[in-house]
Amino acid sequence: MCRKSIKRDIVTAALLLLLAGTAPVAAGDELDPVSSAALDAALSGEHRSAENKARDVYRHPKETLAFFGFRSDMTVVEVWPGSGWYTEVLAPALKDHGKLYAAQYGVNPPFAYQRQYLGEFMSRIGTTPDLYRDVIVTALDFPYQLRIAPAGSADLVVTFRNVHNWAAEGYGEDATRLGYRAMFDALKPGGVLGIVDHRWPDPKTEDPTAANGYISEQRVIADAEKAGFRFVARSEINSNPKDTHDHPEGVWTLPPSLALGETDRDKYLAIGESDRMTLKFIKPE
């Protein structure tokens, strides 16, 4: 997940793209009426801050979940939800007919921002019990806590801007393998894995440790297939052709983090959030 949010910058950045609207749902990715209404209600809910709603223009949550085949009666696992941006969409949408597991970092993650996000997440679900009472919090904590949901129970596993982290120094060389294995084990045969992450355009030049926050599609697909997944489709819902991928502080140079502060702030606001891959996999029957 990105390191932190700066409220003023998020709102300003989103306003730059409001005229562009959100990406349309591709043919074949339409939601059923009940699921569509559940997501609409969650996205417009008063429990979401103006700052979080402003990021919809970049993250396209409804279109992304439609691409992954979301239904409001599914059992869903969200891996490393961070402070809970997507959780506040998924939890109310699944509340009446589905089930949500939130597989957090564990209580002692290696990076300070993860501890911050974990605290924010637990505070969020604790102070809004009507929305989050039924969320089941588990952990994906390498290498000891790998049971993110009961084996073979999930219809859909999603993770947003996280798999690049598993290549980082601090988790150990087996983190990627263990992460994909945990997601594979949680899914039912025929279940879907949906991944969104910051996209590096050329696998030949990517940083093996993803220190700049980017990872190539080819690498993600190869890692998932090693775990047994079958690659199904990619979507450009979350692409951003303005992202040149060569920023001084990596992906965190861009909003919402704006790691350079006021330096070239308008330039990075005009680019917007990162170019992102959106990939769909299936656990074979």
C-alpha atoms as a PDB file:
ATOM      1  CA  MET A   1       0.000   0.000   0.000  1.00  0.00           C
ATOM      2  CA  CYS A   2       1.057   3.653  -0.489  1.00  0.00           C
ATOM      3  CA  ARG A   3       2.734   5.132   2.545  1.00  0.00           C
ATOM      4  CA  LYS A   4       0.297   7.852   3.594  1.00  0.00           C
ATOM      5  CA  SER A   5      -2.488  10.097   2.392  1.00  0.00           C
ATOM      6  CA  ILE A   6      -2.383  13.849   2.236  1.00  0.00           C
ATOM      7  CA  LYS A   7      -5.979  14.991   2.256  1.00  0.00           C
ATOM      8  CA  ARG A   8      -5.613  18.220   0.342  1.00  0.00           C
ATOM      9  CA  ASP A   9      -3.536  16.569  -2.348  1.00  0.00           C
ATOM     10  CA  ILE A  10      -5.927  13.679  -2.848  1.00  0.00           C
ATOM     11  CA  VAL A  11      -8.875  16.004  -3.412  1.00  0.00           C
ATOM     12  CA  THR A  12      -6.906  18.273  -5.724  1.00  0.00           C
ATOM     13  CA  ALA A  13      -5.565  15.347  -7.730  1.00  0.00           C
ATOM     14  CA  ALA A  14      -8.971  13.784  -8.144  1.00  0.00           C
ATOM     15  CA  LEU A  15     -10.498  17.011  -9.393  1.00  0.00           C
ATOM     16  CA  LEU A  16      -7.987  17.046 -12.219  1.00  0.00           C
ATOM     17  CA  LEU A  17      -9.505  13.865 -13.630  1.00  0.00           C
ATOM     18  CA  LEU A  18     -13.169  14.194 -12.756  1.00  0.00           C
ATOM     19  CA  LEU A  19     -14.061  15.204 -16.283  1.00  0.00           C
ATOM     20  CA  ALA A  20     -12.589  11.954 -17.540  1.00  0.00           C
ATOM     21  CA  GLY A  21     -15.108   9.947 -15.504  1.00  0.00           C
ATOM     22  CA  THR A  22     -14.549   6.322 -14.644  1.00  0.00           C
ATOM     23  CA  ALA A  23     -13.602   3.525 -16.976  1.00  0.00           C
ATOM     24  CA  PRO A  24     -16.600   1.659 -18.405  1.00  0.00           C
ATOM     25  CA  VAL A  25     -17.278  -1.937 -17.480  1.00  0.00           C
ATOM     26  CA  ALA A  26     -16.135  -4.169 -20.319  1.00  0.00           C
ATOM     27  CA  ALA A  27     -18.584  -6.405 -22.103  1.00  0.00           C
ATOM     28  CA  GLY A  28     -19.028  -9.629 -20.167  1.00  0.00           C
ATOM     29  CA  ASP A  29     -18.055  -7.976 -16.873  1.00  0.00           C
ATOM     30  CA  GLU A  30     -21.504  -6.627 -15.979  1.00  0.00           C
ATOM     31  CA  LEU A  31     -22.638  -6.971 -12.404  1.00  0.00           C
ATOM     32  CA  ASP A  32     -25.966  -8.551 -11.540  1.00  0.00           C
ATOM     33  CA  PRO A  33     -28.520  -5.971 -10.329  1.00  0.00           C
ATOM     34  CA  VAL A  34     -28.289  -6.911  -6.646  1.00  0.00           C
ATOM     35  CA  SER A  35     -24.488  -6.766  -6.591  1.00  0.00           C
ATOM     36  CA  SER A  36     -24.453  -3.534  -8.573  1.00  0.00           C
ATOM     37  CA  ALA A  37     -26.861  -1.902  -6.149  1.00  0.00           C
ATOM     38  CA  ALA A  38     -24.859  -3.162  -3.158  1.00  0.00           C
ATOM     39  CA  LEU A  39     -21.665  -1.634  -4.521  1.00  0.00           C
ATOM     40  CA  ASP A  40     -23.393   1.633  -5.391  1.00  0.00           C
ATOM     41  CA  ALA A  41     -24.719   1.897  -1.849  1.00  0.00           C
ATOM     42  CA  ALA A  42     -21.303   1.116  -0.374  1.00  0.00           C
ATOM     43  CA  LEU A  43     -19.492   3.599  -2.615  1.00  0.00           C
ATOM     44  CA  SER A  44     -21.899   6.430  -1.860  1.00  0.00           C
ATOM     45  CA  GLY A  45     -22.193   5.648   1.841  1.00  0.00           C
ATOM     46  CA  GLU A  46     -21.629   8.258   4.511  1.00  0.00           C
ATOM     47  CA  HIS A  47     -19.060   5.996   6.155  1.00  0.00           C
ATOM     48  CA  ARG A  48     -16.620   6.860   3.322  1.00  0.00           C
ATOM     49  CA  SER A  49     -14.697  10.103   3.655  1.00  0.00           C
ATOM     50  CA  ALA A  50     -14.671  12.700   0.885  1.00  0.00           C
ATOM     51  CA  GLU A  51     -10.964  11.997   0.456  1.00  0.00           C
ATOM     52  CA  ASN A  52     -11.524   8.283  -0.092  1.00  0.00           C
ATOM     53  CA  LYS A  53     -14.397   8.915  -2.489  1.00  0.00           C
ATOM     54  CA  ALA A  54     -12.173  11.290  -4.444  1.00  0.00           C
ATOM     55  CA  ARG A  55      -9.807   8.423  -5.213  1.00  0.00           C
ATOM     56  CA  ASP A  56     -12.520   6.463  -7.027  1.00  0.00           C
ATOM     57  CA  VAL A  57     -11.564   8.343 -10.185  1.00  0.00           C
ATOM     58  CA  TYR A  58      -8.190   6.581 -10.113  1.00  0.00           C
ATOM     59  CA  ARG A  59      -9.083   3.233  -8.567  1.00  0.00           C
ATOM     60  CA  HIS A  60     -12.362   2.464 -10.376  1.00  0.00           C
ATOM     61  CA  PRO A  61     -13.559   0.163  -7.592  1.00  0.00           C
ATOM     62  CA  LYS A  62     -16.894  -0.842  -9.107  1.00  0.00           C
ATOM     63  CA  GLU A  63     -15.433  -1.543 -12.546  1.00  0.00           C
ATOM     64  CA  THR A  64     -12.473  -3.410 -11.042  1.00  0.00           C
ATOM     65  CA  LEU A  65     -14.664  -5.650  -8.897  1.00  0.00           C
ATOM     66  CA  ALA A  66     -16.962  -6.278 -11.859  1.00  0.00           C
ATOM     67  CA  PHE A  67     -13.961  -7.410 -13.904  1.00  0.00           C
ATOM     68  CA  PHE A  68     -13.059  -9.864 -11.136  1.00  0.00           C
ATOM     69  CA  GLY A  69     -16.610 -11.268 -11.212  1.00  0.00           C
ATOM     70  CA  PHE A  70     -17.735  -9.923  -7.839  1.00  0.00           C
ATOM     71  CA  ARG A  71     -21.120 -10.912  -6.443  1.00  0.00           C
ATOM     72  CA  SER A  72     -22.608  -9.705  -3.197  1.00  0.00           C
ATOM     73  CA  ASP A  73     -23.236 -13.296  -2.034  1.00  0.00           C
ATOM     74  CA  MET A  74     -19.599 -14.390  -2.352  1.00  0.00           C
ATOM     75  CA  THR A  75     -17.047 -15.312   0.262  1.00  0.00           C
ATOM     76  CA  VAL A  76     -14.236 -12.827  -0.406  1.00  0.00           C
ATOM     77  CA  VAL A  77     -10.734 -12.541   1.044  1.00  0.00           C
ATOM     78  CA  GLU A  78      -8.981  -9.182   0.876  1.00  0.00           C
ATOM     79  CA  VAL A  79      -5.236  -9.683   1.350  1.00  0.00           C
ATOM     80  CA  TRP A  80      -3.353  -6.909   3.131  1.00  0.00           C
ATOM     81  CA  PRO A  81      -6.160  -4.351   3.214  1.00  0.00           C
ATOM     82  CA  GLY A  82      -3.895  -1.745   4.828  1.00  0.00           C
ATOM     83  CA  SER A  83      -5.971   1.009   6.383  1.00  0.00           C
ATOM     84  CA  GLY A  84      -9.090  -0.366   4.715  1.00  0.00           C
ATOM     85  CA  TRP A  85      -9.816   1.726   1.601  1.00  0.00           C
ATOM     86  CA  TYR A  86     -11.296  -1.253  -0.259  1.00  0.00           C
ATOM     87  CA  THR A  87     -12.647  -2.833   2.919  1.00  0.00           C
ATOM     88  CA  GLU A  88     -15.069   0.033   3.353  1.00  0.00           C
ATOM     89  CA  VAL A  89     -16.480  -0.881  -0.079  1.00  0.00           C
ATOM     90  CA  LEU A  90     -16.385  -4.660   0.269  1.00  0.00           C
ATOM     91  CA  ALA A  91     -17.700  -5.002   3.819  1.00  0.00           C
ATOM     92  CA  PRO A  92     -21.039  -3.240   3.352  1.00  0.00           C
ATOM     93  CA  ALA A  93     -21.521  -4.750  -0.117  1.00  0.00           C
ATOM     94  CA  LEU A  94     -21.109  -8.264   1.328  1.00  0.00           C
ATOM     95  CA  LYS A  95     -22.782  -7.630   4.672  1.00  0.00           C
ATOM     96  CA  ASP A  96     -26.243  -9.022   3.942  1.00  0.00           C
ATOM     97  CA  HIS A  97     -25.525 -12.052   1.775  1.00  0.00           C
ATOM     98  CA  GLY A  98     -21.764 -12.680   1.657  1.00  0.00           C
ATOM     99  CA  LYS A  99     -18.707 -12.992   3.864  1.00  0.00           C
ATOM    100  CA  LEU A 100     -15.457 -11.022   4.050  1.00  0.00           C
ATOM    101  CA  TYR A 101     -12.097 -12.120   5.418  1.00  0.00           C
ATOM    102  CA  ALA A 102      -9.527  -9.354   5.879  1.00  0.00           C
ATOM    103  CA  ALA A 103      -6.057 -10.912   5.896  1.00  0.00           C
ATOM    104  CA  GLN A 104      -3.939  -8.243   7.547  1.00  0.00           C
ATOM    105  CA  TYR A 105      -0.163  -7.984   7.954  1.00  0.00           C
ATOM    106  CA  GLY A 106       0.005  -9.617  11.359  1.00  0.00           C
ATOM    107  CA  VAL A 107       0.709  -7.780  14.596  1.00  0.00           C
ATOM    108  CA  ASN A 108       4.434  -7.218  13.986  1.00  0.00           C
ATOM    109  CA  PRO A 109       4.930  -6.265  10.329  1.00  0.00           C
ATOM    110  CA  PRO A 110       8.460  -5.174   9.409  1.00  0.00           C
ATOM    111  CA  PHE A 111       7.664  -1.664   8.186  1.00  0.00           C
ATOM    112  CA  ALA A 112       6.390   1.284  10.221  1.00  0.00           C
ATOM    113  CA  TYR A 113       3.749   2.314   7.683  1.00  0.00           C
ATOM    114  CA  GLN A 114       2.209  -1.151   7.916  1.00  0.00           C
ATOM    115  CA  ARG A 115       1.860  -0.820  11.678  1.00  0.00           C
ATOM    116  CA  GLN A 116       0.226   2.551  11.134  1.00  0.00           C
ATOM    117  CA  TYR A 117      -2.211   1.106   8.597  1.00  0.00           C
ATOM    118  CA  LEU A 118      -2.975  -1.858  10.839  1.00  0.00           C
ATOM    119  CA  GLY A 119      -3.852   0.507  13.685  1.00  0.00           C
ATOM    120  CA  GLU A 120      -6.063   2.605  11.427  1.00  0.00           C
ATOM    121  CA  PHE A 121      -7.785  -0.507  10.118  1.00  0.00           C
ATOM    122  CA  MET A 122      -8.595  -1.951  13.541  1.00  0.00           C
ATOM    123  CA  SER A 123      -9.830   1.435  14.710  1.00  0.00           C
ATOM    124  CA  ARG A 124     -12.052   1.709  11.630  1.00  0.00           C
ATOM    125  CA  ILE A 125     -13.752  -1.644  12.128  1.00  0.00           C
ATOM    126  CA  GLY A 126     -13.996  -1.115  15.892  1.00  0.00           C
ATOM    127  CA  THR A 127     -15.691   2.276  15.708  1.00  0.00           C
ATOM    128  CA  THR A 128     -18.174   1.356  12.954  1.00  0.00           C
ATOM    129  CA  PRO A 129     -19.517  -1.990  14.190  1.00  0.00           C
ATOM    130  CA  ASP A 130     -22.723  -1.935  12.159  1.00  0.00           C
ATOM    131  CA  LEU A 131     -20.685  -2.088   8.946  1.00  0.00           C
ATOM    132  CA  TYR A 132     -17.747  -4.218  10.048  1.00  0.00           C
ATOM    133  CA  ARG A 133     -19.094  -6.506  12.784  1.00  0.00           C
ATOM    134  CA  ASP A 134     -19.034  -9.549  10.507  1.00  0.00           C
ATOM    135  CA  VAL A 135     -15.598  -8.972   8.972  1.00  0.00           C
ATOM    136  CA  ILE A 136     -13.294 -11.821   9.958  1.00  0.00           C
ATOM    137  CA  VAL A 137      -9.745 -10.560  10.526  1.00  0.00           C
ATOM    138  CA  THR A 138      -6.985 -13.052   9.763  1.00  0.00           C
ATOM    139  CA  ALA A 139      -3.296 -12.608   8.948  1.00  0.00           C
ATOM    140  CA  LEU A 140      -0.807 -13.222   6.193  1.00  0.00           C
ATOM    141  CA  ASP A 141       2.452 -12.950   8.117  1.00  0.00           C
ATOM    142  CA  PHE A 142       5.471 -14.634   6.564  1.00  0.00           C
ATOM    143  CA  PRO A 143       6.402 -17.379   7.211  1.00  0.00           C
ATOM    144  CA  TYR A 144       4.210 -18.399  10.131  1.00  0.00           C
ATOM    145  CA  GLN A 145       0.651 -17.196   9.533  1.00  0.00           C
ATOM    146  CA  LEU A 146      -0.512 -18.341   6.113  1.00  0.00           C
ATOM    147  CA  ARG A 147      -4.112 -19.452   6.684  1.00  0.00           C
ATOM    148  CA  ILE A 148      -5.947 -16.385   5.421  1.00  0.00           C
ATOM    149  CA  ALA A 149      -9.306 -18.206   5.314  1.00  0.00           C
ATOM    150  CA  PRO A 150     -10.455 -21.805   5.676  1.00  0.00           C
ATOM    151  CA  ALA A 151      -9.003 -23.928   2.906  1.00  0.00           C
ATOM    152  CA  GLY A 152     -11.159 -24.026  -0.205  1.00  0.00           C
ATOM    153  CA  SER A 153     -13.724 -21.570   1.184  1.00  0.00           C
ATOM    154  CA  ALA A 154     -13.317 -18.414  -0.895  1.00  0.00           C
ATOM    155  CA  ASP A 155     -15.006 -17.530  -4.163  1.00  0.00           C
ATOM    156  CA  LEU A 156     -12.760 -14.510  -4.703  1.00  0.00           C
ATOM    157  CA  VAL A 157      -9.404 -13.371  -3.326  1.00  0.00           C
ATOM    158  CA  VAL A 158      -8.313  -9.806  -4.060  1.00  0.00           C
ATOM    159  CA  THR A 159      -5.203  -7.824  -3.275  1.00  0.00           C
ATOM    160  CA  PHE A 160      -4.513  -4.243  -4.240  1.00  0.00           C
ATOM    161  CA  ARG A 161      -0.971  -2.861  -4.710  1.00  0.00           C
ATOM    162  CA  ASN A 162       0.615  -5.497  -2.508  1.00  0.00           C
ATOM    163  CA  VAL A 163       2.365  -8.241  -4.464  1.00  0.00           C
ATOM    164  CA  HIS A 164       5.301  -5.946  -5.267  1.00  0.00           C
ATOM    165  CA  ASN A 165       5.925  -5.759  -1.522  1.00  0.00           C
ATOM    166  CA  TRP A 166       6.611  -9.481  -1.333  1.00  0.00           C
ATOM    167  CA  ALA A 167       9.729  -9.002  -3.464  1.00  0.00           C
ATOM    168  CA  ALA A 168      11.097  -6.396  -1.063  1.00  0.00           C
ATOM    169  CA  GLU A 169      13.960  -6.955   1.313  1.00  0.00           C
ATOM    170  CA  GLY A 170      12.594  -7.629   4.773  1.00  0.00           C
ATOM    171  CA  TYR A 171      10.244 -10.535   4.060  1.00  0.00           C
ATOM    172  CA  GLY A 172      12.663 -13.233   2.985  1.00  0.00           C
ATOM    173  CA  GLU A 173      13.112 -14.899  -0.374  1.00  0.00           C
ATOM    174  CA  ASP A 174      10.081 -17.183   0.066  1.00  0.00           C
ATOM    175  CA  ALA A 175       7.512 -14.428   0.635  1.00  0.00           C
ATOM    176  CA  THR A 176       6.223 -14.374  -2.928  1.00  0.00           C
ATOM    177  CA  ARG A 177       5.867 -18.138  -3.090  1.00  0.00           C
ATOM    178  CA  LEU A 178       4.155 -18.272   0.292  1.00  0.00           C
ATOM    179  CA  GLY A 179       1.821 -15.391  -0.517  1.00  0.00           C
ATOM    180  CA  TYR A 180       0.521 -16.967  -3.700  1.00  0.00           C
ATOM    181  CA  ARG A 181       0.264 -20.356  -2.046  1.00  0.00           C
ATOM    182  CA  ALA A 182      -1.844 -18.890   0.781  1.00  0.00           C
ATOM    183  CA  MET A 183      -4.215 -17.311  -1.749  1.00  0.00           C
ATOM    184  CA  PHE A 184      -4.398 -20.520  -3.789  1.00  0.00           C
ATOM    185  CA  ASP A 185      -5.195 -22.605  -0.719  1.00  0.00           C
ATOM    186  CA  ALA A 186      -7.994 -20.252   0.394  1.00  0.00           C
ATOM    187  CA  LEU A 187      -9.848 -20.401  -2.919  1.00  0.00           C
ATOM    188  CA  LYS A 188     -12.399 -22.953  -4.004  1.00  0.00           C
ATOM    189  CA  PRO A 189     -11.629 -24.792  -7.250  1.00  0.00           C
ATOM    190  CA  GLY A 190     -12.832 -22.399  -9.930  1.00  0.00           C
ATOM    191  CA  GLY A 191     -12.382 -19.419  -7.603  1.00  0.00           C
ATOM    192  CA  VAL A 192     -10.882 -16.154  -8.813  1.00  0.00           C
ATOM    193  CA  LEU A 193      -7.751 -14.277  -7.782  1.00  0.00           C
ATOM    194  CA  GLY A 194      -7.776 -10.569  -8.657  1.00  0.00           C
ATOM    195  CA  ILE A 195      -4.579  -8.508  -8.509  1.00  0.00           C
ATOM    196  CA  VAL A 196      -4.024  -4.790  -8.971  1.00  0.00           C
ATOM    197  CA  ASP A 197      -0.510  -3.396  -8.676  1.00  0.00           C
ATOM    198  CA  HIS A 198       1.819  -0.651  -9.857  1.00  0.00           C
ATOM    199  CA  ARG A 199       2.995  -1.739 -13.299  1.00  0.00           C
ATOM    200  CA  TRP A 200       6.602  -1.653 -14.498  1.00  0.00           C
ATOM    201  CA  PRO A 201       6.531  -1.677 -18.318  1.00  0.00           C
ATOM    202  CA  ASP A 202       9.598  -3.810 -19.106  1.00  0.00           C
ATOM    203  CA  PRO A 203      10.459  -6.986 -17.185  1.00  0.00           C
ATOM    204  CA  LYS A 204      14.037  -6.774 -18.454  1.00  0.00           C
ATOM    205  CA  THR A 205      14.663  -3.547 -16.541  1.00  0.00           C
ATOM    206  CA  GLU A 206      12.566  -3.959 -13.403  1.00  0.00           C
ATOM    207  CA  ASP A 207      14.130  -3.844  -9.954  1.00  0.00           C
ATOM    208  CA  PRO A 208      14.219  -7.406  -8.555  1.00  0.00           C
ATOM    209  CA  THR A 209      13.288  -6.047  -5.123  1.00  0.00           C
ATOM    210  CA  ALA A 210      10.607  -3.688  -6.475  1.00  0.00           C
ATOM    211  CA  ALA A 211      12.139  -0.918  -4.378  1.00  0.00           C
ATOM    212  CA  ASN A 212      10.489   1.698  -6.583  1.00  0.00           C
ATOM    213  CA  GLY A 213       7.067   0.159  -5.930  1.00  0.00           C
ATOM    214  CA  TYR A 214       6.621  -1.176  -9.476  1.00  0.00           C
ATOM    215  CA  ILE A 215       6.526  -4.755 -10.717  1.00  0.00           C
ATOM    216  CA  SER A 216       5.992  -6.128 -14.224  1.00  0.00           C
ATOM    217  CA  GLU A 217       2.874  -7.948 -15.374  1.00  0.00           C
ATOM    218  CA  GLN A 218       5.006 -10.756 -16.731  1.00  0.00           C
ATOM    219  CA  ARG A 219       6.558 -11.344 -13.330  1.00  0.00           C
ATOM    220  CA  VAL A 220       3.216 -11.327 -11.528  1.00  0.00           C
ATOM    221  CA  ILE A 221       1.720 -13.764 -14.026  1.00  0.00           C
ATOM    222  CA  ALA A 222       4.727 -16.077 -13.771  1.00  0.00           C
ATOM    223  CA  ASP A 223       4.626 -16.041  -9.960  1.00  0.00           C
ATOM    224  CA  ALA A 224       0.906 -16.803  -9.902  1.00  0.00           C
ATOM    225  CA  GLU A 225       1.236 -19.602 -12.425  1.00  0.00           C
ATOM    226  CA  LYS A 226       4.029 -21.181 -10.380  1.00  0.00           C
ATOM    227  CA  ALA A 227       1.527 -21.452  -7.527  1.00  0.00           C
ATOM    228  CA  GLY A 228      -0.945 -23.256  -9.770  1.00  0.00           C
ATOM    229  CA  PHE A 229      -3.173 -20.396 -10.948  1.00  0.00           C
ATOM    230  CA  ARG A 230      -4.334 -20.069 -14.537  1.00  0.00           C
ATOM    231  CA  PHE A 231      -4.123 -16.602 -16.027  1.00  0.00           C
ATOM    232  CA  VAL A 232      -7.496 -15.566 -17.474  1.00  0.00           C
ATOM    233  CA  ALA A 233      -7.458 -11.922 -18.522  1.00  0.00           C
ATOM    234  CA  ARG A 234      -6.030  -8.446 -18.044  1.00  0.00           C
ATOM    235  CA  SER A 235      -7.863  -5.149 -18.021  1.00  0.00           C
ATOM    236  CA  GLU A 236      -6.706  -1.583 -18.607  1.00  0.00           C
ATOM    237  CA  ILE A 237      -9.287  -0.205 -16.164  1.00  0.00           C
ATOM    238  CA  ASN A 238      -6.544   1.132 -13.881  1.00  0.00           C
ATOM    239  CA  SER A 239      -3.918   2.059 -16.469  1.00  0.00           C
ATOM    240  CA  ASN A 240      -2.442   5.559 -16.593  1.00  0.00           C
ATOM    241  CA  PRO A 241      -0.486   6.411 -19.761  1.00  0.00           C
ATOM    242  CA  LYS A 242       0.705   9.642 -18.148  1.00  0.00           C
ATOM    243  CA  ASP A 243       2.846   7.686 -15.701  1.00  0.00           C
ATOM    244  CA  THR A 244       6.438   7.630 -16.999  1.00  0.00           C
ATOM    245  CA  HIS A 245       7.540   5.189 -14.237  1.00  0.00           C
ATOM    246  CA  ASP A 246      10.849   7.067 -13.704  1.00  0.00           C
ATOM    247  CA  HIS A 247      10.142   9.183 -10.650  1.00  0.00           C
ATOM    248  CA  PRO A 248      12.812  10.170  -8.061  1.00  0.00           C
ATOM    249  CA  GLU A 249      11.040   8.477  -5.147  1.00  0.00           C
ATOM    250  CA  GLY A 250       9.473   5.697  -7.173  1.00  0.00           C
ATOM    251  CA  VAL A 251       5.711   5.294  -7.168  1.00  0.00           C
ATOM    252  CA  TRP A 252       5.472   7.312  -3.951  1.00  0.00           C
ATOM    253  CA  THR A 253       6.475  10.435  -5.887  1.00  0.00           C
ATOM    254  CA  LEU A 254       2.957  10.412  -7.319  1.00  0.00           C
ATOM    255  CA  PRO A 255      -0.258  11.155  -5.441  1.00  0.00           C
ATOM    256  CA  PRO A 256      -1.502  10.402  -2.915  1.00  0.00           C
ATOM    257  CA  SER A 257       1.915  10.211  -1.209  1.00  0.00           C
ATOM    258  CA  LEU A 258       3.659  13.057  -3.084  1.00  0.00           C
ATOM    259  CA  ALA A 259       6.952  12.121  -1.448  1.00  0.00           C
ATOM    260  CA  LEU A 260       8.740  15.223  -2.767  1.00  0.00           C
ATOM    261  CA  GLY A 261       6.344  17.531  -0.980  1.00  0.00           C
ATOM    262  CA  GLU A 262       6.013  20.840  -2.792  1.00  0.00           C
ATOM    263  CA  THR A 263       8.791  20.051  -5.269  1.00  0.00           C
ATOM    264  CA  ASP A 264       7.174  19.662  -8.713  1.00  0.00           C
ATOM    265  CA  ARG A 265       3.886  19.065  -6.926  1.00  0.00           C
ATOM    266  CA  ASP A 266       1.714  20.313  -9.772  1.00  0.00           C
ATOM    267  CA  LYS A 267       3.613  18.115 -12.228  1.00  0.00           C
ATOM    268  CA  TYR A 268       2.884  14.960 -10.256  1.00  0.00           C
ATOM    269  CA  LEU A 269      -0.708  15.920  -9.547  1.00  0.00           C
ATOM    270  CA  ALA A 270      -1.199  16.304 -13.293  1.00  0.00           C
ATOM    271  CA  ILE A 271       0.130  12.759 -13.824  1.00  0.00           C
ATOM    272  CA  GLY A 272      -2.187  11.340 -11.180  1.00  0.00           C
ATOM    273  CA  GLU A 273      -1.851   7.997  -9.433  1.00  0.00           C
ATOM    274  CA  SER A 274       0.332   5.236 -10.834  1.00  0.00           C
ATOM    275  CA  ASP A 275      -0.122   3.119 -13.937  1.00  0.00           C
ATOM    276  CA  ARG A 276      -1.611  -0.138 -12.654  1.00  0.00           C
ATOM    277  CA  MET A 277      -2.110  -3.625 -13.981  1.00  0.00           C
ATOM    278  CA  THR A 278      -5.405  -5.398 -13.311  1.00  0.00           C
ATOM    279  CA  LEU A 279      -5.072  -9.167 -13.649  1.00  0.00           C
ATOM    280  CA  LYS A 280      -7.536 -12.020 -13.228  1.00  0.00           C
ATOM    281  CA  PHE A 281      -6.587 -15.620 -12.445  1.00  0.00           C
ATOM    282  CA  ILE A 282      -8.545 -18.804 -11.721  1.00  0.00           C
ATOM    283  CA  LYS A 283      -7.753 -21.735  -9.475  1.00  0.00           C
ATOM    284  CA  PRO A 284      -8.303 -24.711 -11.802  1.00  0.00           C
ATOM    285  CA  GLU A 285     -11.220 -27.051 -11.099  1.00  0.00           C
END
